[in-house]
Amino acid sequence: MIYEDKRIPLKNGLSCLLRSPTAEDAEGMLRYLRQSSEETDFMARYSDEVTTTLEDERLILSDILSDPKKIMIAAFIDGQLVANIGLSKMGLHERESHRAAFGMSIIKAYWGIGLGSVLLSALLESAEIMGYEQLELEVVAENARALALYGKFGFLRFGTRPDTFKYRDGRYCSCHLMFKKV
């Protein structure tokens, strides 16, 4: 699904452009994915695991645009991709068709200026248009900022998956499972 361009003011006075990334954004998207994965332990992968080719990233972005049950919304500040949120259906079967999963990341230099709220609001509106009834996510248990954001938007925790991630230094972290009715 395509998200129509929307300019949004942020808490710090900056303006961000929300829009669906296109195949032309593939190179910037790969840079963004590497950077966001490098800056925090809260992401599912290390930056060196972002191994998607430029051509494959173009195909991924094109596929999202053409699929009525997927959406990706990117936030650009001064032309730079700084945040992203994406949603897709949970399963392949009709009995799961009311559920969707999403993930979000923000470049660390842009934490704390309201981008998470802006993106999540846009995603919730889009999920309703797409006909989803329930959104689900998992979030690293130590990610207090994300937990506060999701709580503010009415997401409820329904479980914890222990030792979800195993870091290269041998540490583990758990993830909370959360959901919200749309």
Protein backbone atom coordinates (compact mmCIF):
# COMPACT_ATOMS: atom_id res chain seq x y z
CA MET A 1 0.00 0.00 0.00
CA ILE A 2 1.22 3.48 -0.76
CA TYR A 3 1.32 6.07 2.00
CA GLU A 4 0.58 9.50 0.58
CA ASP A 5 3.20 12.16 1.29
CA LYS A 6 2.55 14.10 4.47
CA ARG A 7 4.68 16.82 6.09
CA ILE A 8 4.61 16.75 9.91
CA PRO A 9 6.11 19.22 12.43
CA LEU A 10 8.20 17.64 15.20
CA LYS A 11 8.69 18.65 18.86
CA ASN A 12 12.05 20.28 18.15
CA GLY A 13 10.70 22.52 15.38
CA LEU A 14 12.01 20.40 12.50
CA SER A 15 9.65 19.19 9.82
CA CYS A 16 9.65 15.64 8.54
CA LEU A 17 8.23 14.21 5.37
CA LEU A 18 6.41 10.90 5.75
CA ARG A 19 6.11 8.83 2.59
CA SER A 20 6.39 5.34 1.22
CA PRO A 21 9.95 4.60 0.14
CA THR A 22 10.25 3.60 -3.51
CA ALA A 23 12.77 1.56 -5.48
CA GLU A 24 14.73 4.80 -5.99
CA ASP A 25 15.28 4.91 -2.19
CA ALA A 26 16.91 1.46 -2.08
CA GLU A 27 20.49 2.66 -1.63
CA GLY A 28 19.51 5.08 1.13
CA MET A 29 17.38 2.40 2.78
CA LEU A 30 20.32 -0.01 2.93
CA ARG A 31 22.53 2.71 4.48
CA TYR A 32 19.77 3.49 6.97
CA LEU A 33 19.30 -0.19 7.90
CA ARG A 34 23.03 -0.60 8.51
CA GLN A 35 23.21 2.56 10.61
CA SER A 36 20.12 1.83 12.71
CA SER A 37 21.35 -1.72 13.33
CA GLU A 38 24.79 -0.42 14.35
CA GLU A 39 23.53 2.17 16.83
CA THR A 40 21.60 -0.02 19.27
CA ASP A 41 21.31 -3.55 20.62
CA PHE A 42 17.52 -3.32 20.28
CA MET A 43 17.48 -4.33 16.61
CA ALA A 44 17.13 -7.97 15.49
CA ARG A 45 20.34 -7.94 13.47
CA TYR A 46 23.87 -6.61 13.41
CA SER A 47 24.80 -4.07 10.76
CA ASP A 48 27.04 -6.59 8.97
CA GLU A 49 23.98 -8.82 8.56
CA VAL A 50 22.32 -6.26 6.29
CA THR A 51 23.46 -8.10 3.18
CA THR A 52 20.54 -7.41 0.84
CA THR A 53 21.76 -6.41 -2.61
CA LEU A 54 20.71 -3.09 -4.09
CA GLU A 55 18.60 -4.85 -6.71
CA ASP A 56 16.90 -7.05 -4.08
CA GLU A 57 16.13 -3.99 -1.94
CA ARG A 58 14.54 -2.32 -4.95
CA LEU A 59 12.36 -5.40 -5.43
CA ILE A 60 11.42 -5.48 -1.74
CA LEU A 61 10.36 -1.83 -1.78
CA SER A 62 8.39 -2.29 -5.01
CA ASP A 63 6.65 -5.36 -3.59
CA ILE A 64 5.53 -3.43 -0.51
CA LEU A 65 4.10 -0.64 -2.65
CA SER A 66 2.05 -3.08 -4.73
CA ASP A 67 0.75 -5.23 -1.85
CA PRO A 68 -2.52 -3.95 -0.31
CA LYS A 69 -1.74 -5.77 2.97
CA LYS A 70 1.76 -4.29 3.50
CA ILE A 71 2.93 -0.76 4.10
CA MET A 72 6.20 0.98 4.82
CA ILE A 73 6.34 4.58 5.96
CA ALA A 74 9.67 6.38 6.03
CA ALA A 75 10.47 9.70 7.69
CA PHE A 76 12.81 12.08 5.90
CA ILE A 77 14.35 15.19 7.46
CA ASP A 78 16.19 17.51 5.09
CA GLY A 79 16.05 14.74 2.49
CA GLN A 80 17.73 12.16 4.77
CA LEU A 81 15.97 8.93 5.75
CA VAL A 82 15.95 8.98 9.57
CA ALA A 83 13.14 6.63 10.62
CA ASN A 84 11.01 3.84 9.26
CA ILE A 85 8.01 1.74 10.23
CA GLY A 86 6.65 -1.24 8.33
CA LEU A 87 3.64 -3.50 8.66
CA SER A 88 2.71 -6.83 7.10
CA LYS A 89 0.16 -9.56 7.64
CA MET A 90 0.90 -12.15 10.31
CA GLY A 91 0.07 -15.31 8.43
CA LEU A 92 -0.94 -16.80 5.12
CA HIS A 93 -4.39 -18.06 6.08
CA GLU A 94 -7.82 -16.43 6.39
CA ARG A 95 -8.01 -17.14 10.12
CA GLU A 96 -4.99 -14.89 10.65
CA SER A 97 -5.94 -12.20 8.15
CA HIS A 98 -7.11 -9.76 10.83
CA ARG A 99 -3.63 -9.61 12.42
CA ALA A 100 -0.53 -7.69 11.36
CA ALA A 101 2.99 -7.35 12.73
CA PHE A 102 5.10 -4.24 12.57
CA GLY A 103 8.58 -3.00 13.33
CA MET A 104 10.09 0.45 13.66
CA SER A 105 13.51 2.01 13.98
CA ILE A 106 14.84 5.54 14.28
CA ILE A 107 18.38 6.82 13.75
CA LYS A 108 19.77 7.60 17.23
CA ALA A 109 20.44 11.30 16.51
CA TYR A 110 16.66 11.69 16.04
CA TRP A 111 15.48 9.92 19.21
CA GLY A 112 13.29 11.95 21.55
CA ILE A 113 11.78 14.42 19.05
CA GLY A 114 8.43 12.71 18.51
CA LEU A 115 9.20 10.60 15.43
CA GLY A 116 8.04 7.40 17.11
CA SER A 117 4.63 8.90 17.90
CA VAL A 118 4.31 10.38 14.42
CA LEU A 119 5.15 7.08 12.72
CA LEU A 120 2.98 4.98 15.00
CA SER A 121 -0.01 7.31 14.49
CA ALA A 122 0.43 7.06 10.72
CA LEU A 123 0.73 3.28 10.91
CA LEU A 124 -2.40 2.88 13.06
CA GLU A 125 -4.42 4.97 10.59
CA SER A 126 -3.10 2.91 7.70
CA ALA A 127 -3.75 -0.41 9.47
CA GLU A 128 -7.37 0.56 9.96
CA ILE A 129 -7.72 1.48 6.27
CA MET A 130 -6.14 -1.86 5.35
CA GLY A 131 -8.76 -3.70 7.41
CA TYR A 132 -6.53 -5.03 10.17
CA GLU A 133 -8.12 -5.55 13.58
CA GLN A 134 -5.04 -6.33 15.67
CA LEU A 135 -1.42 -5.17 15.57
CA GLU A 136 1.36 -7.16 17.21
CA LEU A 137 5.03 -6.61 17.89
CA GLU A 138 7.91 -7.78 19.98
CA VAL A 139 10.20 -5.35 21.75
CA VAL A 140 13.45 -5.89 23.65
CA ALA A 141 12.54 -5.95 27.35
CA GLU A 142 15.25 -3.36 28.17
CA ASN A 143 14.00 -0.87 25.57
CA ALA A 144 12.24 1.46 28.03
CA ARG A 145 11.64 4.21 25.44
CA ALA A 146 9.83 1.85 23.06
CA LEU A 147 7.82 0.26 25.86
CA ALA A 148 6.67 3.70 27.01
CA LEU A 149 5.71 4.68 23.46
CA TYR A 150 3.72 1.51 22.84
CA GLY A 151 2.04 1.83 26.23
CA LYS A 152 1.05 5.42 25.42
CA PHE A 153 -0.69 4.14 22.30
CA GLY A 154 -2.57 1.42 24.18
CA PHE A 155 -0.47 -1.64 23.35
CA LEU A 156 -0.68 -4.34 26.00
CA ARG A 157 1.96 -6.87 26.94
CA PHE A 158 0.75 -10.45 26.68
CA GLY A 159 3.94 -12.36 27.26
CA THR A 160 7.71 -12.44 27.35
CA ARG A 161 9.92 -14.62 25.20
CA PRO A 162 13.07 -15.38 27.21
CA ASP A 163 16.50 -15.27 25.57
CA THR A 164 15.10 -13.97 22.28
CA PHE A 165 18.45 -12.58 21.16
CA LYS A 166 21.91 -13.95 21.84
CA TYR A 167 24.56 -11.29 21.34
CA ARG A 168 28.04 -11.97 20.06
CA ASP A 169 29.49 -11.31 23.51
CA GLY A 170 27.38 -14.16 24.94
CA ARG A 171 24.67 -12.01 26.59
CA TYR A 172 21.00 -12.76 26.06
CA CYS A 173 17.96 -10.51 26.12
CA SER A 174 14.26 -11.22 26.33
CA CYS A 175 11.50 -9.64 24.27
CA HIS A 176 8.04 -8.62 25.38
CA LEU A 177 5.16 -9.54 23.09
CA MET A 178 2.58 -6.76 22.72
CA PHE A 179 -0.68 -6.22 20.86
CA LYS A 180 -3.36 -3.61 20.28
CA LYS A 181 -6.84 -3.80 18.83
CA VAL A 182 -7.14 -1.31 15.95
